[in-house]
């Protein structure tokens, strides 16, 4: 088995949106970049129908993607102008609006497949060494450089070396670093995903809904003329809904949805994804740095996972500009320190929402109703809250 050594400024594990933004921007800085992607190819249009995921991108995230050179066609984006937050069966609601922070749109939704295709096109057109279909097998983390042994099912092994190794995706290879570990919390829940067609006479009006109900919180995101449902349920309840008829599924949703929306049909069959929180104890070890999914995987209740990962990239990139040794541990420690407040606060916020809205006694309902109403009435508080969800916390 032949081993060939390649020397780069940076090696990036993962060719998703976060890894690709970093690769494109580092290439613009004049760095020699390698991207290692385990998938042999990106899903084609036919397989896109099997992937129901819709992503909610903050306004900042869309800006970061486009600044890197990733083209997002306007017809693939659906604007979110307001977010309506409420609880089923109790008073209290708040309405977050782009107008509160001086923007027309808080963010946008896009099909995962469409974003993935745009990311792949930008990566293929850039002066970047892409190792497609290769998997990271072994990390060497030394004082002056780092190495990554990669494996391909047909082409054997190669050895890549660099000043910096960026992990944008998780995987067992990170377990080789003894000082790094991940806290994992199993929510014992699944996210039910289903694209829904609105009944005649109903329009989403570019409003996203976050509603907390006794069976589990759910979000409804505008996408095209339809809406995307992300419904958190216990595994058994999710399985029962998956096995129900389309009419039974919609009836169960309408019972807790409120009167604002009515759905005519499921555009595609519901699918379920198990939910876990995964949080790295720190963001770098020697010359290895973590961003995106390698750093944290969040509950989807507030749609913050990808947005948080792109802010990881946005913090790291300026630190790497115009420095001779981009993998210097002191530099990576500065990145870790600057990301601490945003990532831990947003992670704690999304995690606490699950527990906060999991109690349905009268006192808990009353307290939540008062909190939601207060947020709605106190304009400065609502403005600060909305700004932090869209742009993150200050470094």
Foldseek 3Di string as FASTA:
>chain_A
DDAAEAEWAEEEEDLAQLSLLLQLLVVVLVTAYEYEYQAQDADDPVCLQVAQDKAWAFPVRVVSSVVSPQDDDPLQKFFAAKEWEEEFPFAAIAIFGPVLQPDRGRTIMGRSSSSRVSSVVRNVPGNYHYNRNKDWDEWAFDQQKIKTWIQHPPPGIYIYIHLAYEYQAADPRVVVQPVKDKDKDFPQKKWKKFKFAFDPPAFPPSYKYWYFYQQFIWIWGDGPRITIITGIGHPVVSVVLLPDDFVVNQVVCVVGVDDRTHTDTTPGRIDIDGDMWIAMPFADDRRYGYAQNNHIDADPSLSCRVVLRNVLSVLLSVLQRPDDRSRGVVSRVVSRVQSVPQVVVVRCVRVVVRVLSNDDDPVSSVVNNVVNNVCRPPSVNVSVVSCCSNPNDGD
